[in-house]
Each structure stands twice: as C-alpha cells, then as structure tokens.
Amino acid sequence: MRIDPLQPKTQDETYLGFDFGSKKIGVAVGHLLTGIASPVRVLRAVKDNPDWDGISKLIAEWRPAGLVVGISRQIDGSDNTITPRMLKFCRQLDGRYHLPVHQQDETLSTFEAKHMLFEDVNVNAAKLWAVQDQLAAQLILQTWLNDNAK
C-alpha cells in the first residue's frame, strides 16, 4: 500500500484500539469526530509475540493519532496474571510507533462481546472464537471515545 507523502502523517481524529491476548489481539478503529468505533480484525500471535508486521500494516493504513489498549485488572483494582503483559505491550507500542498509548479499563469487555454475539446475534461457537476479540477491541475503543469526546 502506498501512502501519499503529501497527506498528513496522522489522521488527527483516528485511533486504533487493541484487545490484547497472548494468542490473539483484536483490533478496532474509531474516530473522535464521529465518536464511533468499528471492529477491524484479529491478529494472531507469532510464537507468543504480537504480530508486529500486522500491527505495522494497520498503523500505516490508518495513520492513527493514538492507540488505545484495554487493560484487565481484578475487581479490587489489583493486577491479574495478564496485566503485566498488557502493560509491556503498551510500552512496546510506544517504543515502536512513537504514538500516544492510552490505557482503558477492559473489565468484562470480552465477556460482553461473547454475550452480544452468542445471545443477541446467535453466532456459533467457532465463529464466536474467531471474532470476539475484534468486538472486544471495539467495546474498549468505544468506551475510550465516549470518555474523551470533544
């Protein structure tokens, strides 16, 4: 994909959202101007590492002003077993892409995504596993957009 060098380096109102998991990362895109987030895709881990090539392609395509990562914690606010990996992912995004990385509480986002797909849309279990993470990323980013609307 070629990017026009005369276009701005970022789309000021565009953000990418991530639902981090050790095997899959859901990705969504959203815009502050419209206040709407949409699911984009799921990236599979490569040898237990994020798919950096896939993330780089999405950043080149969307040219976001910033990134939003869902952070999971216990009900009492303490870290759970995956929280340190999520925070490491945030630091890696910052170091690689030099974009603002915003953290958003993702409590129950995957559960809510599963519920919406399974109960409301009657998606079967195989399809649910394939798309739940991008819907969770959409919910994470939508919450962040709602909290940061201009």
N, C-alpha and C. Protein backbone atom coordinates (compact mmCIF):
# COMPACT_ATOMS: atom_id res chain seq x y z
N MET A 1 0.83 -1.18 0.00
CA MET A 1 0.00 0.00 0.00
C MET A 1 0.88 1.25 0.00
N ARG A 2 0.62 2.17 -0.89
CA ARG A 2 1.39 3.40 -0.97
C ARG A 2 0.65 4.50 -0.22
N ILE A 3 1.42 5.26 0.53
CA ILE A 3 0.85 6.40 1.25
C ILE A 3 1.29 7.67 0.55
N ASP A 4 0.35 8.54 0.27
CA ASP A 4 0.66 9.81 -0.38
C ASP A 4 1.51 10.66 0.55
N PRO A 5 2.74 11.04 0.14
CA PRO A 5 3.61 11.81 1.03
C PRO A 5 3.09 13.20 1.33
N LEU A 6 2.13 13.69 0.57
CA LEU A 6 1.55 15.00 0.82
C LEU A 6 0.43 14.96 1.85
N GLN A 7 -0.07 13.75 2.14
CA GLN A 7 -1.11 13.63 3.16
C GLN A 7 -0.50 13.79 4.53
N PRO A 8 -1.29 14.26 5.51
CA PRO A 8 -0.76 14.37 6.86
C PRO A 8 -0.30 13.01 7.37
N LYS A 9 0.69 13.02 8.26
CA LYS A 9 1.23 11.76 8.77
C LYS A 9 0.22 11.03 9.65
N THR A 10 -0.70 11.74 10.27
CA THR A 10 -1.73 11.09 11.08
C THR A 10 -3.09 11.65 10.71
N GLN A 11 -4.09 10.87 11.00
CA GLN A 11 -5.46 11.34 10.90
C GLN A 11 -5.83 11.79 12.31
N ASP A 12 -5.87 13.11 12.56
CA ASP A 12 -5.97 13.64 13.91
C ASP A 12 -7.07 13.03 14.76
N GLU A 13 -8.12 12.61 14.16
CA GLU A 13 -9.25 12.10 14.93
C GLU A 13 -9.32 10.57 14.96
N THR A 14 -8.38 9.88 14.32
CA THR A 14 -8.43 8.43 14.20
C THR A 14 -7.59 7.75 15.28
N TYR A 15 -8.15 6.70 15.89
CA TYR A 15 -7.47 5.92 16.91
C TYR A 15 -7.65 4.44 16.61
N LEU A 16 -6.63 3.66 16.93
CA LEU A 16 -6.74 2.20 16.87
C LEU A 16 -6.86 1.68 18.29
N GLY A 17 -7.75 0.73 18.49
CA GLY A 17 -7.95 0.10 19.79
C GLY A 17 -7.53 -1.36 19.73
N PHE A 18 -6.98 -1.84 20.85
CA PHE A 18 -6.47 -3.20 20.92
C PHE A 18 -7.04 -3.95 22.12
N ASP A 19 -7.49 -5.17 21.88
CA ASP A 19 -7.84 -6.11 22.94
C ASP A 19 -6.72 -7.14 22.96
N PHE A 20 -5.75 -6.95 23.86
CA PHE A 20 -4.56 -7.79 23.91
C PHE A 20 -4.85 -9.14 24.53
N GLY A 21 -4.35 -10.18 23.89
CA GLY A 21 -4.39 -11.52 24.43
C GLY A 21 -3.10 -12.23 24.06
N SER A 22 -2.75 -13.27 24.77
CA SER A 22 -1.49 -13.95 24.49
C SER A 22 -1.51 -14.72 23.17
N LYS A 23 -2.70 -15.09 22.70
CA LYS A 23 -2.80 -15.82 21.43
C LYS A 23 -3.36 -14.97 20.30
N LYS A 24 -4.21 -14.00 20.64
CA LYS A 24 -4.86 -13.15 19.63
C LYS A 24 -4.95 -11.72 20.16
N ILE A 25 -4.94 -10.78 19.22
CA ILE A 25 -5.15 -9.37 19.56
C ILE A 25 -6.26 -8.85 18.66
N GLY A 26 -7.34 -8.42 19.26
CA GLY A 26 -8.42 -7.81 18.50
C GLY A 26 -8.08 -6.36 18.22
N VAL A 27 -8.46 -5.89 17.04
CA VAL A 27 -8.17 -4.51 16.66
C VAL A 27 -9.45 -3.83 16.18
N ALA A 28 -9.60 -2.57 16.59
CA ALA A 28 -10.73 -1.75 16.16
C ALA A 28 -10.21 -0.38 15.75
N VAL A 29 -10.99 0.35 14.99
CA VAL A 29 -10.66 1.71 14.61
C VAL A 29 -11.82 2.61 15.01
N GLY A 30 -11.49 3.82 15.41
CA GLY A 30 -12.54 4.75 15.79
C GLY A 30 -12.10 6.18 15.54
N HIS A 31 -13.07 7.08 15.59
CA HIS A 31 -12.81 8.48 15.29
C HIS A 31 -13.45 9.36 16.36
N LEU A 32 -12.66 10.30 16.90
CA LEU A 32 -13.20 11.22 17.89
C LEU A 32 -14.31 12.09 17.30
N LEU A 33 -14.16 12.47 16.05
CA LEU A 33 -15.14 13.35 15.42
C LEU A 33 -16.52 12.71 15.38
N THR A 34 -16.59 11.45 14.96
CA THR A 34 -17.88 10.77 14.89
C THR A 34 -18.25 10.09 16.19
N GLY A 35 -17.24 9.77 17.01
CA GLY A 35 -17.49 9.06 18.26
C GLY A 35 -17.86 7.60 18.04
N ILE A 36 -17.48 7.04 16.90
CA ILE A 36 -17.87 5.67 16.58
C ILE A 36 -16.63 4.80 16.39
N ALA A 37 -16.65 3.62 17.03
CA ALA A 37 -15.60 2.62 16.86
C ALA A 37 -16.17 1.44 16.08
N SER A 38 -15.32 0.83 15.27
CA SER A 38 -15.72 -0.32 14.46
C SER A 38 -14.65 -1.40 14.55
N PRO A 39 -15.07 -2.68 14.56
CA PRO A 39 -14.08 -3.75 14.56
C PRO A 39 -13.32 -3.78 13.24
N VAL A 40 -12.03 -4.16 13.31
CA VAL A 40 -11.20 -4.23 12.10
C VAL A 40 -10.82 -5.67 11.81
N ARG A 41 -10.11 -6.31 12.75
CA ARG A 41 -9.68 -7.69 12.52
C ARG A 41 -9.04 -8.24 13.78
N VAL A 42 -8.68 -9.53 13.70
CA VAL A 42 -7.97 -10.21 14.78
C VAL A 42 -6.59 -10.58 14.23
N LEU A 43 -5.56 -10.26 15.00
CA LEU A 43 -4.19 -10.65 14.64
C LEU A 43 -3.78 -11.79 15.54
N ARG A 44 -3.23 -12.83 14.96
CA ARG A 44 -2.77 -13.99 15.73
C ARG A 44 -1.36 -13.75 16.23
N ALA A 45 -1.05 -14.24 17.41
CA ALA A 45 0.30 -14.14 17.96
C ALA A 45 1.26 -14.97 17.11
N VAL A 46 2.50 -14.53 17.04
CA VAL A 46 3.55 -15.24 16.32
C VAL A 46 4.58 -15.70 17.36
N LYS A 47 4.59 -16.99 17.63
CA LYS A 47 5.49 -17.55 18.65
C LYS A 47 5.35 -16.81 19.98
N ASP A 48 4.13 -16.64 20.43
CA ASP A 48 3.79 -15.97 21.69
C ASP A 48 4.16 -14.49 21.71
N ASN A 49 4.37 -13.88 20.56
CA ASN A 49 4.64 -12.45 20.46
C ASN A 49 3.57 -11.81 19.59
N PRO A 50 3.28 -10.52 19.84
CA PRO A 50 2.32 -9.84 18.98
C PRO A 50 2.76 -9.89 17.52
N ASP A 51 1.81 -9.86 16.61
CA ASP A 51 2.08 -9.82 15.18
C ASP A 51 2.46 -8.39 14.81
N TRP A 52 3.75 -8.06 15.01
CA TRP A 52 4.20 -6.68 14.78
C TRP A 52 4.07 -6.28 13.31
N ASP A 53 4.26 -7.21 12.40
CA ASP A 53 4.09 -6.87 10.98
C ASP A 53 2.63 -6.47 10.71
N GLY A 54 1.70 -7.24 11.26
CA GLY A 54 0.29 -6.93 11.08
C GLY A 54 -0.08 -5.59 11.71
N ILE A 55 0.44 -5.33 12.91
CA ILE A 55 0.16 -4.06 13.58
C ILE A 55 0.76 -2.91 12.77
N SER A 56 1.99 -3.09 12.28
CA SER A 56 2.64 -2.04 11.47
C SER A 56 1.82 -1.72 10.22
N LYS A 57 1.28 -2.75 9.58
CA LYS A 57 0.45 -2.53 8.38
C LYS A 57 -0.81 -1.74 8.72
N LEU A 58 -1.43 -2.07 9.86
CA LEU A 58 -2.65 -1.34 10.26
C LEU A 58 -2.32 0.11 10.59
N ILE A 59 -1.20 0.35 11.24
CA ILE A 59 -0.81 1.72 11.58
C ILE A 59 -0.50 2.50 10.30
N ALA A 60 0.16 1.88 9.35
CA ALA A 60 0.44 2.54 8.07
C ALA A 60 -0.86 2.84 7.31
N GLU A 61 -1.80 1.92 7.38
CA GLU A 61 -3.07 2.11 6.68
C GLU A 61 -3.92 3.21 7.30
N TRP A 62 -4.08 3.18 8.62
CA TRP A 62 -5.00 4.10 9.29
C TRP A 62 -4.34 5.39 9.74
N ARG A 63 -3.00 5.40 9.89
CA ARG A 63 -2.25 6.56 10.36
C ARG A 63 -2.92 7.21 11.58
N PRO A 64 -3.08 6.46 12.66
CA PRO A 64 -3.80 6.98 13.82
C PRO A 64 -3.03 8.06 14.57
N ALA A 65 -3.80 8.90 15.26
CA ALA A 65 -3.21 9.91 16.14
C ALA A 65 -2.78 9.29 17.45
N GLY A 66 -3.35 8.14 17.79
CA GLY A 66 -3.01 7.46 19.04
C GLY A 66 -3.57 6.05 19.06
N LEU A 67 -3.17 5.32 20.10
CA LEU A 67 -3.56 3.93 20.27
C LEU A 67 -4.21 3.77 21.63
N VAL A 68 -5.19 2.87 21.72
CA VAL A 68 -5.90 2.60 22.96
C VAL A 68 -5.81 1.11 23.24
N VAL A 69 -5.32 0.76 24.41
CA VAL A 69 -5.14 -0.65 24.78
C VAL A 69 -5.99 -0.94 26.01
N GLY A 70 -6.78 -2.00 25.92
CA GLY A 70 -7.56 -2.44 27.07
C GLY A 70 -6.65 -3.08 28.11
N ILE A 71 -6.83 -2.68 29.36
CA ILE A 71 -6.04 -3.22 30.47
C ILE A 71 -6.99 -3.92 31.43
N SER A 72 -6.69 -5.17 31.69
CA SER A 72 -7.52 -6.00 32.57
C SER A 72 -6.95 -6.01 33.98
N ARG A 73 -7.81 -5.80 34.95
CA ARG A 73 -7.40 -5.86 36.35
C ARG A 73 -8.49 -6.58 37.15
N GLN A 74 -8.13 -6.97 38.36
CA GLN A 74 -9.09 -7.59 39.27
C GLN A 74 -10.15 -6.56 39.68
N ILE A 75 -11.23 -7.03 40.23
CA ILE A 75 -12.31 -6.15 40.67
C ILE A 75 -11.80 -5.10 41.67
N ASP A 76 -10.84 -5.48 42.52
CA ASP A 76 -10.30 -4.56 43.53
C ASP A 76 -9.24 -3.60 42.96
N GLY A 77 -8.97 -3.69 41.64
CA GLY A 77 -8.01 -2.81 41.01
C GLY A 77 -6.60 -3.35 40.93
N SER A 78 -6.35 -4.48 41.58
CA SER A 78 -5.00 -5.06 41.53
C SER A 78 -4.80 -5.78 40.19
N ASP A 79 -3.52 -5.98 39.86
CA ASP A 79 -3.19 -6.67 38.61
C ASP A 79 -3.64 -8.12 38.65
N ASN A 80 -4.03 -8.65 37.50
CA ASN A 80 -4.26 -10.08 37.38
C ASN A 80 -3.08 -10.68 36.61
N THR A 81 -3.15 -11.92 36.23
CA THR A 81 -1.99 -12.60 35.65
C THR A 81 -1.56 -12.02 34.30
N ILE A 82 -2.48 -11.45 33.52
CA ILE A 82 -2.11 -10.93 32.19
C ILE A 82 -1.80 -9.44 32.21
N THR A 83 -2.11 -8.74 33.27
CA THR A 83 -1.89 -7.29 33.32
C THR A 83 -0.45 -6.89 32.99
N PRO A 84 0.58 -7.55 33.56
CA PRO A 84 1.96 -7.16 33.21
C PRO A 84 2.26 -7.30 31.71
N ARG A 85 1.70 -8.31 31.06
CA ARG A 85 1.92 -8.47 29.60
C ARG A 85 1.21 -7.37 28.82
N MET A 86 0.05 -6.96 29.29
CA MET A 86 -0.68 -5.86 28.63
C MET A 86 0.12 -4.56 28.75
N LEU A 87 0.67 -4.31 29.93
CA LEU A 87 1.45 -3.10 30.14
C LEU A 87 2.74 -3.13 29.31
N LYS A 88 3.35 -4.30 29.17
CA LYS A 88 4.52 -4.45 28.32
C LYS A 88 4.15 -4.15 26.87
N PHE A 89 2.99 -4.64 26.41
CA PHE A 89 2.50 -4.37 25.06
C PHE A 89 2.35 -2.86 24.85
N CYS A 90 1.83 -2.15 25.84
CA CYS A 90 1.70 -0.69 25.75
C CYS A 90 3.07 -0.03 25.57
N ARG A 91 4.05 -0.46 26.36
CA ARG A 91 5.41 0.10 26.25
C ARG A 91 6.02 -0.21 24.88
N GLN A 92 5.77 -1.42 24.38
CA GLN A 92 6.31 -1.80 23.07
C GLN A 92 5.66 -0.96 21.96
N LEU A 93 4.35 -0.75 22.03
CA LEU A 93 3.68 0.10 21.05
C LEU A 93 4.28 1.50 21.05
N ASP A 94 4.47 2.06 22.24
CA ASP A 94 5.04 3.39 22.38
C ASP A 94 6.44 3.44 21.78
N GLY A 95 7.26 2.46 22.11
CA GLY A 95 8.64 2.42 21.63
C GLY A 95 8.75 2.22 20.12
N ARG A 96 7.87 1.43 19.56
CA ARG A 96 7.94 1.13 18.12
C ARG A 96 7.34 2.23 17.25
N TYR A 97 6.21 2.80 17.69
CA TYR A 97 5.46 3.68 16.81
C TYR A 97 5.46 5.15 17.25
N HIS A 98 5.93 5.43 18.44
CA HIS A 98 6.02 6.80 18.94
C HIS A 98 4.70 7.55 18.82
N LEU A 99 3.64 6.85 19.16
CA LEU A 99 2.30 7.43 19.20
C LEU A 99 1.81 7.40 20.65
N PRO A 100 0.94 8.32 21.04
CA PRO A 100 0.37 8.24 22.38
C PRO A 100 -0.36 6.91 22.57
N VAL A 101 -0.11 6.25 23.68
CA VAL A 101 -0.78 4.99 24.00
C VAL A 101 -1.63 5.23 25.24
N HIS A 102 -2.93 5.10 25.07
CA HIS A 102 -3.87 5.32 26.16
C HIS A 102 -4.32 3.96 26.69
N GLN A 103 -4.41 3.85 28.00
CA GLN A 103 -4.88 2.62 28.62
C GLN A 103 -6.34 2.80 29.00
N GLN A 104 -7.13 1.76 28.73
CA GLN A 104 -8.57 1.80 29.03
C GLN A 104 -8.94 0.54 29.78
N ASP A 105 -9.65 0.70 30.88
CA ASP A 105 -10.13 -0.45 31.63
C ASP A 105 -10.97 -1.32 30.70
N GLU A 106 -10.65 -2.60 30.66
CA GLU A 106 -11.40 -3.51 29.78
C GLU A 106 -12.22 -4.53 30.57
N THR A 107 -12.49 -4.23 31.81
CA THR A 107 -13.23 -5.17 32.64
C THR A 107 -14.47 -5.67 31.91
N LEU A 108 -14.52 -6.95 31.75
CA LEU A 108 -15.66 -7.67 31.16
C LEU A 108 -15.90 -7.39 29.68
N SER A 109 -14.96 -6.75 28.97
CA SER A 109 -15.20 -6.46 27.55
C SER A 109 -15.33 -7.73 26.73
N THR A 110 -14.46 -8.72 26.95
CA THR A 110 -14.56 -9.96 26.19
C THR A 110 -15.83 -10.71 26.57
N PHE A 111 -16.18 -10.71 27.85
CA PHE A 111 -17.42 -11.34 28.29
C PHE A 111 -18.62 -10.67 27.61
N GLU A 112 -18.62 -9.34 27.59
CA GLU A 112 -19.72 -8.61 26.96
C GLU A 112 -19.77 -8.91 25.46
N ALA A 113 -18.60 -8.97 24.81
CA ALA A 113 -18.56 -9.28 23.38
C ALA A 113 -19.14 -10.67 23.11
N LYS A 114 -18.73 -11.65 23.92
CA LYS A 114 -19.26 -13.01 23.76
C LYS A 114 -20.78 -13.02 23.94
N HIS A 115 -21.25 -12.33 24.96
CA HIS A 115 -22.68 -12.29 25.25
C HIS A 115 -23.44 -11.69 24.06
N MET A 116 -22.93 -10.56 23.54
CA MET A 116 -23.60 -9.91 22.42
C MET A 116 -23.66 -10.84 21.20
N LEU A 117 -22.56 -11.49 20.92
CA LEU A 117 -22.51 -12.36 19.74
C LEU A 117 -23.32 -13.63 19.91
N PHE A 118 -23.20 -14.25 21.06
CA PHE A 118 -23.85 -15.54 21.28
C PHE A 118 -25.34 -15.38 21.56
N GLU A 119 -25.67 -14.49 22.48
CA GLU A 119 -27.07 -14.34 22.89
C GLU A 119 -27.88 -13.49 21.92
N ASP A 120 -27.32 -12.36 21.51
CA ASP A 120 -28.09 -11.41 20.71
C ASP A 120 -28.10 -11.73 19.22
N VAL A 121 -26.99 -12.27 18.71
CA VAL A 121 -26.87 -12.50 17.27
C VAL A 121 -26.87 -13.99 16.92
N ASN A 122 -26.81 -14.84 17.93
CA ASN A 122 -26.81 -16.29 17.75
C ASN A 122 -25.63 -16.80 16.91
N VAL A 123 -24.46 -16.24 17.15
CA VAL A 123 -23.25 -16.68 16.45
C VAL A 123 -22.81 -18.01 17.05
N ASN A 124 -22.41 -18.97 16.21
CA ASN A 124 -21.99 -20.27 16.72
C ASN A 124 -20.62 -20.16 17.39
N ALA A 125 -20.23 -21.17 18.15
CA ALA A 125 -19.02 -21.14 18.96
C ALA A 125 -17.75 -20.95 18.13
N ALA A 126 -17.66 -21.58 16.97
CA ALA A 126 -16.46 -21.45 16.13
C ALA A 126 -16.31 -20.02 15.61
N LYS A 127 -17.38 -19.44 15.14
CA LYS A 127 -17.35 -18.06 14.64
C LYS A 127 -17.11 -17.09 15.81
N LEU A 128 -17.70 -17.40 16.95
CA LEU A 128 -17.52 -16.57 18.14
C LEU A 128 -16.04 -16.46 18.49
N TRP A 129 -15.32 -17.58 18.50
CA TRP A 129 -13.90 -17.59 18.85
C TRP A 129 -13.12 -16.74 17.85
N ALA A 130 -13.53 -16.73 16.60
CA ALA A 130 -12.80 -16.01 15.55
C ALA A 130 -12.99 -14.50 15.62
N VAL A 131 -14.13 -14.02 16.10
CA VAL A 131 -14.42 -12.58 16.02
C VAL A 131 -14.58 -11.87 17.37
N GLN A 132 -14.65 -12.60 18.47
CA GLN A 132 -14.94 -11.95 19.75
C GLN A 132 -13.90 -10.90 20.14
N ASP A 133 -12.65 -11.10 19.77
CA ASP A 133 -11.59 -10.18 20.18
C ASP A 133 -11.68 -8.84 19.45
N GLN A 134 -12.08 -8.86 18.18
CA GLN A 134 -12.23 -7.58 17.50
C GLN A 134 -13.44 -6.82 18.01
N LEU A 135 -14.48 -7.52 18.42
CA LEU A 135 -15.63 -6.86 19.02
C LEU A 135 -15.26 -6.32 20.40
N ALA A 136 -14.45 -7.07 21.16
CA ALA A 136 -13.97 -6.58 22.46
C ALA A 136 -13.13 -5.32 22.26
N ALA A 137 -12.27 -5.30 21.22
CA ALA A 137 -11.47 -4.11 20.92
C ALA A 137 -12.39 -2.93 20.59
N GLN A 138 -13.46 -3.20 19.86
CA GLN A 138 -14.42 -2.15 19.54
C GLN A 138 -15.04 -1.59 20.83
N LEU A 139 -15.43 -2.46 21.75
CA LEU A 139 -16.03 -2.02 23.01
C LEU A 139 -15.04 -1.20 23.84
N ILE A 140 -13.78 -1.63 23.87
CA ILE A 140 -12.73 -0.89 24.59
C ILE A 140 -12.57 0.49 23.99
N LEU A 141 -12.41 0.55 22.66
CA LEU A 141 -12.21 1.83 21.99
C LEU A 141 -13.44 2.71 22.09
N GLN A 142 -14.62 2.12 21.98
CA GLN A 142 -15.85 2.91 22.09
C GLN A 142 -15.96 3.55 23.46
N THR A 143 -15.60 2.82 24.51
CA THR A 143 -15.62 3.38 25.87
C THR A 143 -14.65 4.56 25.96
N TRP A 144 -13.44 4.39 25.39
CA TRP A 144 -12.45 5.46 25.42
C TRP A 144 -12.95 6.68 24.65
N LEU A 145 -13.54 6.45 23.47
CA LEU A 145 -14.07 7.57 22.68
C LEU A 145 -15.18 8.30 23.44
N ASN A 146 -16.05 7.54 24.08
CA ASN A 146 -17.13 8.16 24.86
C ASN A 146 -16.57 9.03 25.98
N ASP A 147 -15.51 8.55 26.62
CA ASP A 147 -14.91 9.29 27.74
C ASP A 147 -14.09 10.49 27.27
N ASN A 148 -13.67 10.51 26.01
CA ASN A 148 -12.78 11.55 25.51
C ASN A 148 -13.37 12.38 24.38
N ALA A 149 -14.69 12.31 24.20
CA ALA A 149 -15.36 13.08 23.15
C ALA A 149 -15.13 14.57 23.38
N LYS A 150 -14.97 15.26 22.28
CA LYS A 150 -14.71 16.72 22.35
C LYS A 150 -15.97 17.50 22.56
